Amino acid sequence: MSRRRNQRDRQPLIVSLLSSDSQLFRVSEPVARRSGVISSALEDIGARDPIPLLNVPAAVLKKVGILAPLRLC
């Protein structure tokens, strides 16, 4: 039972997303994996470094933030 409690208490991994205009956003991994592009990037390069979104400006990520809990760094 304590094993289940430990899994439940764990904080989700935070993924950093780098917009095309160099603004950094932080989002939980489960939310980030909702995007096929970001999910593929996580598989390819992992979550240690920020994932560059070369064609996505910060204004778009902020609008997406209304639908998903994004946090600006």
N, C-alpha and C. Protein backbone atom coordinates (compact mmCIF):
# COMPACT_ATOMS: atom_id res chain seq x y z
N MET A 1 0.82 -1.20 0.00
CA MET A 1 0.00 0.00 0.00
C MET A 1 0.87 1.26 0.00
N SER A 2 1.97 1.25 0.72
CA SER A 2 2.84 2.42 0.71
C SER A 2 3.44 2.65 -0.67
N ARG A 3 3.60 1.58 -1.43
CA ARG A 3 4.12 1.72 -2.79
C ARG A 3 3.16 2.54 -3.65
N ARG A 4 1.88 2.27 -3.54
CA ARG A 4 0.89 3.06 -4.29
C ARG A 4 0.88 4.51 -3.85
N ARG A 5 1.01 4.73 -2.58
CA ARG A 5 1.02 6.10 -2.07
C ARG A 5 2.22 6.86 -2.64
N ASN A 6 3.39 6.22 -2.71
CA ASN A 6 4.58 6.87 -3.25
C ASN A 6 4.39 7.24 -4.72
N GLN A 7 3.77 6.35 -5.50
CA GLN A 7 3.53 6.66 -6.90
C GLN A 7 2.54 7.81 -7.04
N ARG A 8 1.55 7.87 -6.20
CA ARG A 8 0.54 8.92 -6.25
C ARG A 8 1.12 10.26 -5.83
N ASP A 9 2.06 10.26 -4.89
CA ASP A 9 2.63 11.49 -4.37
C ASP A 9 3.70 12.09 -5.27
N ARG A 10 4.18 11.34 -6.25
CA ARG A 10 5.23 11.85 -7.13
C ARG A 10 4.71 13.00 -7.98
N GLN A 11 5.56 14.00 -8.12
CA GLN A 11 5.23 15.13 -8.98
C GLN A 11 5.52 14.73 -10.43
N PRO A 12 4.67 15.14 -11.38
CA PRO A 12 4.95 14.81 -12.78
C PRO A 12 6.21 15.53 -13.25
N LEU A 13 6.87 14.94 -14.19
CA LEU A 13 8.05 15.52 -14.80
C LEU A 13 7.65 16.83 -15.49
N ILE A 14 8.48 17.84 -15.37
CA ILE A 14 8.23 19.13 -16.02
C ILE A 14 9.06 19.20 -17.30
N VAL A 15 8.41 19.56 -18.39
CA VAL A 15 9.05 19.67 -19.70
C VAL A 15 9.16 21.16 -20.04
N SER A 16 10.30 21.56 -20.57
CA SER A 16 10.49 22.94 -21.00
C SER A 16 10.31 23.04 -22.51
N LEU A 17 9.53 24.02 -22.93
CA LEU A 17 9.28 24.26 -24.35
C LEU A 17 9.84 25.63 -24.70
N LEU A 18 10.62 25.70 -25.77
CA LEU A 18 11.24 26.95 -26.19
C LEU A 18 10.55 27.44 -27.46
N SER A 19 9.90 28.59 -27.35
CA SER A 19 9.17 29.15 -28.49
C SER A 19 10.14 29.69 -29.54
N SER A 20 9.60 29.99 -30.72
CA SER A 20 10.45 30.49 -31.80
C SER A 20 11.05 31.85 -31.48
N ASP A 21 10.44 32.60 -30.55
CA ASP A 21 10.99 33.88 -30.14
C ASP A 21 11.69 33.79 -28.78
N SER A 22 12.18 32.60 -28.48
CA SER A 22 13.07 32.32 -27.34
C SER A 22 12.45 32.50 -25.96
N GLN A 23 11.15 32.36 -25.84
CA GLN A 23 10.53 32.37 -24.51
C GLN A 23 10.39 30.93 -24.04
N LEU A 24 10.66 30.71 -22.77
CA LEU A 24 10.64 29.37 -22.21
C LEU A 24 9.35 29.14 -21.45
N PHE A 25 8.68 28.04 -21.74
CA PHE A 25 7.46 27.63 -21.05
C PHE A 25 7.72 26.29 -20.39
N ARG A 26 7.10 26.10 -19.22
CA ARG A 26 7.21 24.83 -18.50
C ARG A 26 5.83 24.21 -18.39
N VAL A 27 5.76 22.92 -18.66
CA VAL A 27 4.48 22.22 -18.64
C VAL A 27 4.72 20.80 -18.15
N SER A 28 3.72 20.21 -17.50
CA SER A 28 3.89 18.84 -17.03
C SER A 28 3.96 17.90 -18.22
N GLU A 29 4.68 16.80 -18.05
CA GLU A 29 4.86 15.85 -19.15
C GLU A 29 3.53 15.30 -19.68
N PRO A 30 2.58 14.92 -18.81
CA PRO A 30 1.32 14.41 -19.37
C PRO A 30 0.61 15.42 -20.27
N VAL A 31 0.67 16.69 -19.92
CA VAL A 31 0.06 17.73 -20.75
C VAL A 31 0.85 17.89 -22.05
N ALA A 32 2.17 17.87 -21.96
CA ALA A 32 3.01 18.02 -23.15
C ALA A 32 2.79 16.88 -24.12
N ARG A 33 2.58 15.68 -23.61
CA ARG A 33 2.40 14.51 -24.48
C ARG A 33 1.08 14.52 -25.23
N ARG A 34 0.19 15.46 -24.92
CA ARG A 34 -1.04 15.60 -25.69
C ARG A 34 -0.75 16.04 -27.12
N SER A 35 0.38 16.69 -27.32
CA SER A 35 0.80 17.11 -28.65
C SER A 35 1.65 16.00 -29.27
N GLY A 36 1.28 15.57 -30.46
CA GLY A 36 2.04 14.54 -31.14
C GLY A 36 3.47 14.97 -31.43
N VAL A 37 3.66 16.23 -31.82
CA VAL A 37 5.00 16.74 -32.13
C VAL A 37 5.87 16.73 -30.88
N ILE A 38 5.34 17.22 -29.78
CA ILE A 38 6.12 17.28 -28.53
C ILE A 38 6.36 15.87 -28.00
N SER A 39 5.37 15.00 -28.10
CA SER A 39 5.53 13.62 -27.66
C SER A 39 6.66 12.94 -28.43
N SER A 40 6.70 13.15 -29.75
CA SER A 40 7.78 12.58 -30.57
C SER A 40 9.13 13.15 -30.18
N ALA A 41 9.17 14.45 -29.92
CA ALA A 41 10.43 15.09 -29.51
C ALA A 41 10.91 14.51 -28.18
N LEU A 42 9.99 14.26 -27.26
CA LEU A 42 10.37 13.67 -25.97
C LEU A 42 10.95 12.29 -26.18
N GLU A 43 10.40 11.53 -27.10
CA GLU A 43 10.94 10.20 -27.40
C GLU A 43 12.33 10.30 -28.02
N ASP A 44 12.53 11.30 -28.89
CA ASP A 44 13.80 11.44 -29.60
C ASP A 44 14.91 12.05 -28.75
N ILE A 45 14.61 13.15 -28.06
CA ILE A 45 15.67 13.88 -27.36
C ILE A 45 15.53 13.88 -25.84
N GLY A 46 14.40 13.42 -25.34
CA GLY A 46 14.21 13.39 -23.89
C GLY A 46 13.75 14.73 -23.36
N ALA A 47 13.65 14.79 -22.03
CA ALA A 47 13.09 15.99 -21.39
C ALA A 47 14.13 16.81 -20.65
N ARG A 48 15.39 16.46 -20.78
CA ARG A 48 16.42 17.21 -20.04
C ARG A 48 16.62 18.63 -20.57
N ASP A 49 16.65 18.75 -21.89
CA ASP A 49 16.85 20.06 -22.52
C ASP A 49 15.51 20.60 -22.99
N PRO A 50 15.41 21.93 -23.13
CA PRO A 50 14.17 22.50 -23.66
C PRO A 50 13.90 21.98 -25.08
N ILE A 51 12.64 21.75 -25.38
CA ILE A 51 12.25 21.29 -26.70
C ILE A 51 11.98 22.52 -27.55
N PRO A 52 12.78 22.71 -28.62
CA PRO A 52 12.57 23.89 -29.46
C PRO A 52 11.36 23.72 -30.36
N LEU A 53 10.50 24.71 -30.36
CA LEU A 53 9.33 24.74 -31.24
C LEU A 53 9.57 25.87 -32.23
N LEU A 54 10.30 25.56 -33.29
CA LEU A 54 10.82 26.57 -34.20
C LEU A 54 9.76 27.37 -34.94
N ASN A 55 8.57 26.81 -35.10
CA ASN A 55 7.52 27.51 -35.84
C ASN A 55 6.38 27.98 -34.95
N VAL A 56 6.60 27.98 -33.64
CA VAL A 56 5.53 28.35 -32.71
C VAL A 56 5.98 29.53 -31.85
N PRO A 57 5.42 30.72 -32.08
CA PRO A 57 5.78 31.88 -31.26
C PRO A 57 5.14 31.81 -29.88
N ALA A 58 5.66 32.59 -28.97
CA ALA A 58 5.17 32.61 -27.59
C ALA A 58 3.70 32.97 -27.52
N ALA A 59 3.24 33.86 -28.39
CA ALA A 59 1.83 34.26 -28.37
C ALA A 59 0.91 33.06 -28.57
N VAL A 60 1.31 32.12 -29.43
CA VAL A 60 0.51 30.93 -29.66
C VAL A 60 0.55 30.02 -28.43
N LEU A 61 1.73 29.85 -27.84
CA LEU A 61 1.83 29.02 -26.64
C LEU A 61 1.02 29.60 -25.49
N LYS A 62 0.97 30.92 -25.40
CA LYS A 62 0.16 31.55 -24.35
C LYS A 62 -1.32 31.27 -24.58
N LYS A 63 -1.76 31.30 -25.84
CA LYS A 63 -3.16 31.00 -26.14
C LYS A 63 -3.47 29.55 -25.83
N VAL A 64 -2.54 28.66 -26.14
CA VAL A 64 -2.71 27.25 -25.81
C VAL A 64 -2.78 27.09 -24.30
N GLY A 65 -2.09 27.96 -23.59
CA GLY A 65 -2.09 27.92 -22.13
C GLY A 65 -3.48 28.11 -21.52
N ILE A 66 -4.39 28.68 -22.26
CA ILE A 66 -5.76 28.82 -21.79
C ILE A 66 -6.41 27.44 -21.71
N LEU A 67 -6.04 26.56 -22.63
CA LEU A 67 -6.62 25.22 -22.70
C LEU A 67 -5.88 24.21 -21.84
N ALA A 68 -4.60 24.45 -21.61
CA ALA A 68 -3.78 23.52 -20.80
C ALA A 68 -2.96 24.36 -19.83
N PRO A 69 -2.65 23.81 -18.67
CA PRO A 69 -1.94 24.59 -17.63
C PRO A 69 -0.45 24.79 -17.94
N LEU A 70 -0.12 25.78 -18.76
CA LEU A 70 1.27 26.13 -19.02
C LEU A 70 1.72 27.20 -18.03
N ARG A 71 3.00 27.18 -17.69
CA ARG A 71 3.54 28.19 -16.78
C ARG A 71 4.74 28.85 -17.45
N LEU A 72 4.70 30.15 -17.57
CA LEU A 72 5.81 30.89 -18.14
C LEU A 72 6.93 30.98 -17.11
N CYS A 73 8.16 30.71 -17.55
CA CYS A 73 9.32 30.77 -16.62
C CYS A 73 9.75 32.19 -16.42
